[in-house]
Amino acid sequence: MVGEASNGEEAVQKARELKPDVILMDLVMPGKSGMEAIEEIKHMQPEARILVLTSFAEDDNVIQAIRLGAYGFLLKDTSPDELVQTIHSVNTDKLTIPHELTHVLLSGKVEQMEPAQSQSKEDITLRELDVLKCIAQGMSNKLIAQTLSISTTTVRTHVSSMIRKLNMENRTQLAIYAREHKLI
């Protein structure tokens, strides 16, 4: 742990100064909200990996936070072991959403996330589609590389290309896109 913040403004300041590998973000904070902090952090550090902590599995903010670039979610009552495991997963770009929240994301609310200017899946190459299917299954870059017999650098290139083509922010959005478009 490299730092701690008691409000959203301080979280943005600490993220700027410390550039942590993973940021645990509460959505409810005094002053600047967690949503505002996520948006500002992702604007100044697009590579930031933000793991959102939430109290409620029905929280509509889950969708908005993903749209803003959050990498994953945890409920606040998560065990310490699961917290550590999830931090490691997010740090390796692995989609991390507990099963209690997947119904929120896969319900009819997902269409709210769809980027307005996204391109169609026809713009994605066949190899990118293979990578996208693996991402939707929660695989890390290393596991995708092993599964598809390509290098991790090639996986990263395909991920970056799809993020750009689909006008998205991160792997989490790609995974939800894959599920919403029934690619898995």
C-alpha atoms as a PDB file:
ATOM      1  CA  MET A   1       0.000   0.000   0.000  1.00  0.00           C
ATOM      2  CA  VAL A   2       1.472   3.314  -1.060  1.00  0.00           C
ATOM      3  CA  GLY A   3      -1.199   5.760   0.049  1.00  0.00           C
ATOM      4  CA  GLU A   4      -4.645   6.417   1.416  1.00  0.00           C
ATOM      5  CA  ALA A   5      -7.193   9.148   0.744  1.00  0.00           C
ATOM      6  CA  SER A   6     -10.176  10.246   2.795  1.00  0.00           C
ATOM      7  CA  ASN A   7     -12.101  11.930  -0.028  1.00  0.00           C
ATOM      8  CA  GLY A   8     -12.320  12.097  -3.819  1.00  0.00           C
ATOM      9  CA  GLU A   9     -10.139  15.167  -4.238  1.00  0.00           C
ATOM     10  CA  GLU A  10      -7.394  13.599  -2.152  1.00  0.00           C
ATOM     11  CA  ALA A  11      -7.733  10.336  -4.131  1.00  0.00           C
ATOM     12  CA  VAL A  12      -7.058  12.199  -7.381  1.00  0.00           C
ATOM     13  CA  GLN A  13      -4.093  14.012  -5.833  1.00  0.00           C
ATOM     14  CA  LYS A  14      -2.593  10.768  -4.425  1.00  0.00           C
ATOM     15  CA  ALA A  15      -3.112   8.961  -7.751  1.00  0.00           C
ATOM     16  CA  ARG A  16      -1.270  11.770  -9.542  1.00  0.00           C
ATOM     17  CA  GLU A  17       1.619  11.772  -7.057  1.00  0.00           C
ATOM     18  CA  LEU A  18       2.009   8.062  -6.291  1.00  0.00           C
ATOM     19  CA  LYS A  19       0.874   6.415  -9.562  1.00  0.00           C
ATOM     20  CA  PRO A  20      -0.180   3.182  -7.790  1.00  0.00           C
ATOM     21  CA  ASP A  21      -0.519  -0.124  -9.642  1.00  0.00           C
ATOM     22  CA  VAL A  22      -4.136  -0.534  -8.469  1.00  0.00           C
ATOM     23  CA  ILE A  23      -6.477   2.051  -6.952  1.00  0.00           C
ATOM     24  CA  LEU A  24      -9.252   0.909  -4.602  1.00  0.00           C
ATOM     25  CA  MET A  25     -12.052   3.435  -4.978  1.00  0.00           C
ATOM     26  CA  ASP A  26     -15.148   3.858  -2.865  1.00  0.00           C
ATOM     27  CA  LEU A  27     -17.957   5.502  -4.787  1.00  0.00           C
ATOM     28  CA  VAL A  28     -19.393   7.335  -1.780  1.00  0.00           C
ATOM     29  CA  MET A  29     -16.968   9.913  -0.395  1.00  0.00           C
ATOM     30  CA  PRO A  30     -17.227  13.449   0.952  1.00  0.00           C
ATOM     31  CA  GLY A  31     -16.677  16.257  -1.538  1.00  0.00           C
ATOM     32  CA  LYS A  32     -15.726  14.847  -4.922  1.00  0.00           C
ATOM     33  CA  SER A  33     -17.526  11.527  -5.466  1.00  0.00           C
ATOM     34  CA  GLY A  34     -15.828   8.290  -6.431  1.00  0.00           C
ATOM     35  CA  MET A  35     -17.311   8.646  -9.923  1.00  0.00           C
ATOM     36  CA  GLU A  36     -15.839  12.101 -10.349  1.00  0.00           C
ATOM     37  CA  ALA A  37     -12.499  10.854  -9.023  1.00  0.00           C
ATOM     38  CA  ILE A  38     -12.496   7.880 -11.434  1.00  0.00           C
ATOM     39  CA  GLU A  39     -13.233  10.160 -14.368  1.00  0.00           C
ATOM     40  CA  GLU A  40     -10.473  12.601 -13.421  1.00  0.00           C
ATOM     41  CA  ILE A  41      -7.895   9.897 -12.684  1.00  0.00           C
ATOM     42  CA  LYS A  42      -8.601   8.083 -15.975  1.00  0.00           C
ATOM     43  CA  HIS A  43      -8.343  11.391 -17.837  1.00  0.00           C
ATOM     44  CA  MET A  44      -4.870  12.117 -16.469  1.00  0.00           C
ATOM     45  CA  GLN A  45      -3.716   8.459 -16.318  1.00  0.00           C
ATOM     46  CA  PRO A  46      -5.613   6.335 -18.871  1.00  0.00           C
ATOM     47  CA  GLU A  47      -3.617   3.261 -17.827  1.00  0.00           C
ATOM     48  CA  ALA A  48      -4.802   3.518 -14.193  1.00  0.00           C
ATOM     49  CA  ARG A  49      -6.353   0.306 -12.872  1.00  0.00           C
ATOM     50  CA  ILE A  50      -9.261   1.199 -10.615  1.00  0.00           C
ATOM     51  CA  LEU A  51     -11.075  -1.369  -8.498  1.00  0.00           C
ATOM     52  CA  VAL A  52     -14.397  -0.052  -7.185  1.00  0.00           C
ATOM     53  CA  LEU A  53     -15.718  -0.979  -3.759  1.00  0.00           C
ATOM     54  CA  THR A  54     -19.478  -0.902  -3.381  1.00  0.00           C
ATOM     55  CA  SER A  55     -21.954  -1.830  -0.662  1.00  0.00           C
ATOM     56  CA  PHE A  56     -24.839  -2.881  -2.860  1.00  0.00           C
ATOM     57  CA  ALA A  57     -25.036  -5.487  -5.617  1.00  0.00           C
ATOM     58  CA  GLU A  58     -27.903  -3.520  -7.155  1.00  0.00           C
ATOM     59  CA  ASP A  59     -25.870  -0.331  -7.439  1.00  0.00           C
ATOM     60  CA  ASP A  60     -26.615   1.386 -10.793  1.00  0.00           C
ATOM     61  CA  ASN A  61     -23.284   3.163 -10.425  1.00  0.00           C
ATOM     62  CA  VAL A  62     -21.550  -0.082 -11.413  1.00  0.00           C
ATOM     63  CA  ILE A  63     -22.413   0.514 -15.070  1.00  0.00           C
ATOM     64  CA  GLN A  64     -21.386   4.154 -14.966  1.00  0.00           C
ATOM     65  CA  ALA A  65     -18.065   3.328 -13.281  1.00  0.00           C
ATOM     66  CA  ILE A  66     -17.223   0.788 -16.000  1.00  0.00           C
ATOM     67  CA  ARG A  67     -18.111   3.339 -18.636  1.00  0.00           C
ATOM     68  CA  LEU A  68     -15.671   5.709 -16.961  1.00  0.00           C
ATOM     69  CA  GLY A  69     -12.920   3.086 -17.003  1.00  0.00           C
ATOM     70  CA  ALA A  70     -13.067   1.023 -13.802  1.00  0.00           C
ATOM     71  CA  TYR A  71     -11.435  -2.409 -14.152  1.00  0.00           C
ATOM     72  CA  GLY A  72     -13.526  -4.255 -11.633  1.00  0.00           C
ATOM     73  CA  PHE A  73     -15.742  -4.306  -8.576  1.00  0.00           C
ATOM     74  CA  LEU A  74     -15.837  -5.782  -5.126  1.00  0.00           C
ATOM     75  CA  LEU A  75     -18.507  -5.732  -2.504  1.00  0.00           C
ATOM     76  CA  LYS A  76     -17.342  -4.178   0.753  1.00  0.00           C
ATOM     77  CA  ASP A  77     -18.052  -7.366   2.700  1.00  0.00           C
ATOM     78  CA  THR A  78     -15.461  -9.307   0.650  1.00  0.00           C
ATOM     79  CA  SER A  79     -12.992 -11.414   2.634  1.00  0.00           C
ATOM     80  CA  PRO A  80      -9.389 -10.149   2.978  1.00  0.00           C
ATOM     81  CA  ASP A  81      -8.112 -13.109   0.921  1.00  0.00           C
ATOM     82  CA  GLU A  82     -10.529 -12.355  -1.905  1.00  0.00           C
ATOM     83  CA  LEU A  83      -9.571  -8.673  -1.774  1.00  0.00           C
ATOM     84  CA  VAL A  84      -5.879  -9.516  -2.200  1.00  0.00           C
ATOM     85  CA  GLN A  85      -6.632 -11.979  -5.012  1.00  0.00           C
ATOM     86  CA  THR A  86      -8.805  -9.407  -6.794  1.00  0.00           C
ATOM     87  CA  ILE A  87      -6.136  -6.711  -6.514  1.00  0.00           C
ATOM     88  CA  HIS A  88      -3.655  -9.096  -8.156  1.00  0.00           C
ATOM     89  CA  SER A  89      -6.184  -9.918 -10.900  1.00  0.00           C
ATOM     90  CA  VAL A  90      -6.867  -6.270 -11.677  1.00  0.00           C
ATOM     91  CA  ASN A  91      -3.129  -5.593 -11.687  1.00  0.00           C
ATOM     92  CA  THR A  92      -2.760  -8.168 -14.491  1.00  0.00           C
ATOM     93  CA  ASP A  93      -5.625  -6.586 -16.476  1.00  0.00           C
ATOM     94  CA  LYS A  94      -8.059  -9.355 -15.610  1.00  0.00           C
ATOM     95  CA  LEU A  95     -11.747  -8.493 -15.577  1.00  0.00           C
ATOM     96  CA  THR A  96     -12.922  -8.748 -11.978  1.00  0.00           C
ATOM     97  CA  ILE A  97     -16.615  -8.671 -11.216  1.00  0.00           C
ATOM     98  CA  PRO A  98     -18.110 -10.774  -8.420  1.00  0.00           C
ATOM     99  CA  HIS A  99     -21.012 -12.971  -9.381  1.00  0.00           C
ATOM    100  CA  GLU A 100     -23.308 -10.842  -7.172  1.00  0.00           C
ATOM    101  CA  LEU A 101     -22.797  -7.940  -9.589  1.00  0.00           C
ATOM    102  CA  THR A 102     -22.805  -9.750 -12.933  1.00  0.00           C
ATOM    103  CA  HIS A 103     -26.599  -9.742 -13.070  1.00  0.00           C
ATOM    104  CA  VAL A 104     -26.517  -5.926 -12.853  1.00  0.00           C
ATOM    105  CA  LEU A 105     -24.128  -5.744 -15.782  1.00  0.00           C
ATOM    106  CA  LEU A 106     -25.800  -8.362 -17.916  1.00  0.00           C
ATOM    107  CA  SER A 107     -29.328  -7.104 -17.344  1.00  0.00           C
ATOM    108  CA  GLY A 108     -31.144  -4.738 -19.656  1.00  0.00           C
ATOM    109  CA  LYS A 109     -29.098  -1.878 -18.214  1.00  0.00           C
ATOM    110  CA  VAL A 110     -25.999  -2.774 -20.217  1.00  0.00           C
ATOM    111  CA  GLU A 111     -27.140  -0.879 -23.285  1.00  0.00           C
ATOM    112  CA  GLN A 112     -26.548   2.311 -21.266  1.00  0.00           C
ATOM    113  CA  MET A 113     -22.820   1.567 -21.531  1.00  0.00           C
ATOM    114  CA  GLU A 114     -22.680   1.300 -25.308  1.00  0.00           C
ATOM    115  CA  PRO A 115     -20.380   4.055 -26.585  1.00  0.00           C
ATOM    116  CA  ALA A 116     -22.273   6.337 -28.929  1.00  0.00           C
ATOM    117  CA  GLN A 117     -19.644   6.314 -31.651  1.00  0.00           C
ATOM    118  CA  SER A 118     -18.447   2.720 -31.402  1.00  0.00           C
ATOM    119  CA  GLN A 119     -17.726   0.822 -34.551  1.00  0.00           C
ATOM    120  CA  SER A 120     -19.295  -2.504 -35.368  1.00  0.00           C
ATOM    121  CA  LYS A 121     -17.842  -5.901 -34.605  1.00  0.00           C
ATOM    122  CA  GLU A 122     -17.232  -6.312 -38.337  1.00  0.00           C
ATOM    123  CA  ASP A 123     -14.279  -3.903 -37.958  1.00  0.00           C
ATOM    124  CA  ILE A 124     -12.578  -6.355 -35.609  1.00  0.00           C
ATOM    125  CA  THR A 125     -10.221  -8.883 -37.216  1.00  0.00           C
ATOM    126  CA  LEU A 126     -10.712 -12.618 -36.691  1.00  0.00           C
ATOM    127  CA  ARG A 127      -7.658 -12.787 -34.415  1.00  0.00           C
ATOM    128  CA  GLU A 128      -8.919  -9.827 -32.394  1.00  0.00           C
ATOM    129  CA  LEU A 129     -12.239 -11.640 -32.076  1.00  0.00           C
ATOM    130  CA  ASP A 130     -10.387 -14.681 -30.670  1.00  0.00           C
ATOM    131  CA  VAL A 131      -8.674 -12.411 -28.130  1.00  0.00           C
ATOM    132  CA  LEU A 132     -11.981 -10.696 -27.313  1.00  0.00           C
ATOM    133  CA  LYS A 133     -13.637 -14.039 -26.559  1.00  0.00           C
ATOM    134  CA  CYS A 134     -10.788 -14.893 -24.178  1.00  0.00           C
ATOM    135  CA  ILE A 135     -11.085 -11.508 -22.456  1.00  0.00           C
ATOM    136  CA  ALA A 136     -14.809 -12.104 -21.948  1.00  0.00           C
ATOM    137  CA  GLN A 137     -13.927 -15.349 -20.191  1.00  0.00           C
ATOM    138  CA  GLY A 138     -11.722 -13.405 -17.753  1.00  0.00           C
ATOM    139  CA  MET A 139      -8.368 -14.618 -19.085  1.00  0.00           C
ATOM    140  CA  SER A 140      -5.159 -12.688 -18.416  1.00  0.00           C
ATOM    141  CA  ASN A 141      -2.904 -11.621 -21.306  1.00  0.00           C
ATOM    142  CA  LYS A 142      -0.500 -14.412 -20.424  1.00  0.00           C
ATOM    143  CA  LEU A 143      -3.244 -17.056 -20.512  1.00  0.00           C
ATOM    144  CA  ILE A 144      -4.649 -15.652 -23.766  1.00  0.00           C
ATOM    145  CA  ALA A 145      -1.170 -15.822 -25.291  1.00  0.00           C
ATOM    146  CA  GLN A 146      -0.767 -19.434 -24.210  1.00  0.00           C
ATOM    147  CA  THR A 147      -4.261 -20.390 -25.390  1.00  0.00           C
ATOM    148  CA  LEU A 148      -3.873 -18.781 -28.826  1.00  0.00           C
ATOM    149  CA  SER A 149      -0.150 -19.559 -29.222  1.00  0.00           C
ATOM    150  CA  ILE A 150       0.826 -15.920 -29.632  1.00  0.00           C
ATOM    151  CA  SER A 151       3.034 -13.585 -27.600  1.00  0.00           C
ATOM    152  CA  THR A 152       1.752 -11.423 -24.763  1.00  0.00           C
ATOM    153  CA  THR A 153       2.925  -8.403 -26.767  1.00  0.00           C
ATOM    154  CA  THR A 154       0.641  -9.472 -29.614  1.00  0.00           C
ATOM    155  CA  VAL A 155      -2.236  -9.882 -27.151  1.00  0.00           C
ATOM    156  CA  ARG A 156      -1.649  -6.355 -25.815  1.00  0.00           C
ATOM    157  CA  THR A 157      -1.564  -5.026 -29.386  1.00  0.00           C
ATOM    158  CA  HIS A 158      -4.897  -6.681 -30.196  1.00  0.00           C
ATOM    159  CA  VAL A 159      -6.462  -5.409 -26.960  1.00  0.00           C
ATOM    160  CA  SER A 160      -5.296  -1.839 -27.648  1.00  0.00           C
ATOM    161  CA  SER A 161      -6.553  -2.060 -31.221  1.00  0.00           C
ATOM    162  CA  MET A 162     -10.012  -3.222 -30.131  1.00  0.00           C
ATOM    163  CA  ILE A 163     -10.235  -0.562 -27.424  1.00  0.00           C
ATOM    164  CA  ARG A 164      -9.441   2.057 -30.055  1.00  0.00           C
ATOM    165  CA  LYS A 165     -11.753   0.593 -32.740  1.00  0.00           C
ATOM    166  CA  LEU A 166     -14.692   0.229 -30.368  1.00  0.00           C
ATOM    167  CA  ASN A 167     -14.082   3.579 -28.640  1.00  0.00           C
ATOM    168  CA  MET A 168     -13.761   1.964 -25.212  1.00  0.00           C
ATOM    169  CA  GLU A 169     -11.632   2.595 -22.153  1.00  0.00           C
ATOM    170  CA  ASN A 170     -10.509  -0.837 -20.934  1.00  0.00           C
ATOM    171  CA  ARG A 171     -10.757  -4.632 -20.948  1.00  0.00           C
ATOM    172  CA  THR A 172     -13.811  -4.617 -18.713  1.00  0.00           C
ATOM    173  CA  GLN A 173     -15.763  -2.724 -21.343  1.00  0.00           C
ATOM    174  CA  LEU A 174     -14.489  -5.111 -24.029  1.00  0.00           C
ATOM    175  CA  ALA A 175     -15.670  -8.115 -21.991  1.00  0.00           C
ATOM    176  CA  ILE A 176     -19.124  -6.628 -21.516  1.00  0.00           C
ATOM    177  CA  TYR A 177     -19.266  -5.732 -25.215  1.00  0.00           C
ATOM    178  CA  ALA A 178     -18.446  -9.372 -26.067  1.00  0.00           C
ATOM    179  CA  ARG A 179     -21.175 -10.668 -23.764  1.00  0.00           C
ATOM    180  CA  GLU A 180     -23.747  -8.115 -24.929  1.00  0.00           C
ATOM    181  CA  HIS A 181     -23.052  -9.003 -28.575  1.00  0.00           C
ATOM    182  CA  LYS A 182     -23.139 -12.736 -27.762  1.00  0.00           C
ATOM    183  CA  LEU A 183     -19.581 -13.339 -28.920  1.00  0.00           C
ATOM    184  CA  ILE A 184     -19.060 -16.018 -26.277  1.00  0.00           C
END
